[in-house]
Protein backbone atom coordinates (compact mmCIF):
# COMPACT_ATOMS: atom_id res chain seq x y z
CA MET A 1 223.68 137.81 47.94
CA LEU A 2 226.69 139.26 46.14
CA PHE A 3 225.60 137.31 43.07
CA TYR A 4 222.20 139.05 43.07
CA LEU A 5 223.81 142.45 43.47
CA LEU A 6 226.09 141.71 40.53
CA ILE A 7 223.11 140.62 38.37
CA ALA A 8 221.18 143.76 39.42
CA ALA A 9 224.18 145.98 38.55
CA ILE A 10 224.51 144.30 35.17
CA LEU A 11 220.78 144.81 34.51
CA VAL A 12 221.04 148.47 35.51
CA ILE A 13 224.02 148.92 33.18
CA ILE A 14 222.14 147.24 30.33
CA CYS A 15 219.06 149.42 30.94
CA LEU A 16 221.15 152.58 31.11
CA SER A 17 222.95 151.58 27.91
CA LEU A 18 219.62 151.10 26.13
CA ILE A 19 218.34 154.45 27.41
CA ILE A 20 221.55 156.20 26.30
CA TYR A 21 221.33 154.52 22.87
CA LYS A 22 217.70 155.59 22.41
CA LEU A 23 218.46 159.14 23.53
CA SER A 24 221.45 159.40 21.22
CA THR A 25 219.37 158.05 18.32
CA ALA A 26 216.62 160.59 19.04
CA ALA A 27 219.19 163.39 19.36
CA ALA A 28 220.75 162.44 16.04
CA LYS A 29 217.31 162.43 14.41
CA HIS A 30 216.48 165.86 15.81
CA ALA A 31 219.90 167.18 14.82
CA GLY A 32 219.23 166.08 11.26
CA ALA A 33 215.86 167.83 11.28
CA PHE A 34 217.48 170.93 12.74
CA GLN A 35 220.14 170.93 10.02
CA LYS A 36 217.46 170.59 7.36
CA LEU A 37 215.53 173.55 8.77
CA LYS A 38 218.72 175.57 9.04
CA GLN A 39 219.50 174.82 5.38
CA GLU A 40 215.98 175.81 4.32
CA LEU A 41 216.33 179.07 6.21
CA GLU A 42 219.64 179.80 4.50
CA GLU A 43 218.10 179.03 1.11
CA ALA A 44 215.20 181.41 1.85
CA LYS A 45 217.46 184.38 2.66
CA PRO A 46 217.95 185.45 -0.99
CA MET A 47 214.19 185.34 -1.51
CA ARG A 48 213.72 187.48 1.58
CA LYS A 49 216.21 190.02 0.24
CA LEU A 50 214.44 189.97 -3.11
CA GLY A 51 211.11 190.56 -1.36
CA GLU A 52 212.55 193.46 0.61
CA SER A 53 213.97 194.97 -2.58
CA ALA A 54 210.62 194.60 -4.31
CA ALA A 55 208.89 196.30 -1.39
CA ASP A 56 211.39 199.15 -1.48
CA LEU A 57 210.96 199.53 -5.24
CA SER A 58 207.18 199.45 -4.94
CA HIS A 59 207.30 202.10 -2.24
CA ASP A 60 209.55 204.34 -4.35
CA ILE A 61 207.32 203.93 -7.42
CA LYS A 62 204.20 204.80 -5.40
CA ASN A 63 205.89 207.90 -4.01
CA GLN A 64 206.99 209.14 -7.44
CA MET A 65 203.60 208.40 -8.96
CA SER A 66 201.98 210.38 -6.16
CA VAL A 67 204.09 213.38 -7.13
CA ILE A 68 203.22 212.95 -10.82
CA SER A 69 199.51 212.54 -10.14
CA GLY A 70 199.60 215.56 -7.81
CA TYR A 71 201.13 217.75 -10.51
CA ALA A 72 198.67 216.40 -13.10
CA THR A 73 195.81 217.29 -10.76
CA LEU A 74 197.19 220.80 -10.31
CA LEU A 75 197.47 221.19 -14.09
CA MET A 76 193.87 220.05 -14.54
CA ARG A 77 192.67 222.61 -12.00
CA SER A 78 194.57 225.44 -13.67
CA LYS A 79 192.38 228.15 -15.22
CA THR A 80 194.92 228.84 -17.96
CA ILE A 81 195.11 225.32 -19.41
CA ASP A 82 193.43 224.59 -22.74
CA ASP A 83 191.28 221.50 -23.47
CA LYS A 84 194.07 219.60 -25.26
CA ASN A 85 196.48 220.00 -22.37
CA HIS A 86 193.70 219.26 -19.89
CA LYS A 87 193.08 215.92 -21.61
CA MET A 88 196.82 215.17 -21.57
CA ALA A 89 196.93 215.96 -17.84
CA GLU A 90 193.94 213.61 -17.35
CA GLY A 91 195.85 210.90 -19.22
CA ILE A 92 198.90 211.44 -17.03
CA LEU A 93 196.75 211.26 -13.91
CA GLU A 94 194.98 208.07 -15.03
CA ALA A 95 198.26 206.40 -15.99
CA SER A 96 199.92 207.33 -12.72
CA ILE A 97 196.96 205.96 -10.75
CA LYS A 98 197.10 202.70 -12.73
CA ILE A 99 200.83 202.40 -12.05
CA GLN A 100 200.23 202.99 -8.35
CA GLU A 101 197.48 200.35 -8.29
CA THR A 102 199.65 197.87 -10.18
CA SER A 103 202.47 198.46 -7.74
CA ILE A 104 200.19 197.96 -4.76
CA ASN A 105 198.65 194.81 -6.28
CA ALA A 106 202.05 193.33 -7.06
CA LEU A 107 203.22 193.96 -3.51
CA ASP A 108 200.01 192.52 -2.05
CA THR A 109 200.37 189.43 -4.23
CA ALA A 110 203.98 188.98 -3.15
CA ARG A 111 202.96 189.27 0.50
CA ALA A 112 200.17 186.72 0.07
CA GLU A 113 202.53 184.27 -1.64
CA ALA A 114 205.13 184.76 1.08
CA LYS A 115 202.53 184.07 3.77
CA THR A 116 201.40 180.93 1.90
CA GLN A 117 204.99 179.66 1.72
CA ILE A 118 205.53 180.37 5.42
CA ILE A 119 202.42 178.36 6.30
CA GLN A 120 203.56 175.42 4.18
């Protein structure tokens, strides 16, 4: 009887050893994947900062262009402005609108690319 208990204990120890080995192998595999993801996150931080800076710059440009286009609109509505200056004010307004649109499009493109990279 003692012999059978000893064999059973040895089998239990062998099974537990195999389970521990498999768990440690799986843990090491997951730790490697975790380290890889952590490294990718660290590498993405500068791009995130760049994206935030681009968004801030775009926002500032849009604000300043709104001021310029507002003043150009006021000039165009003025009763005392001659045709030559009216056309120049129109040019300023058109250019400021194009700059605003370009800024918005660039920011939208950057957002779309960022979302695409996140999905991948």
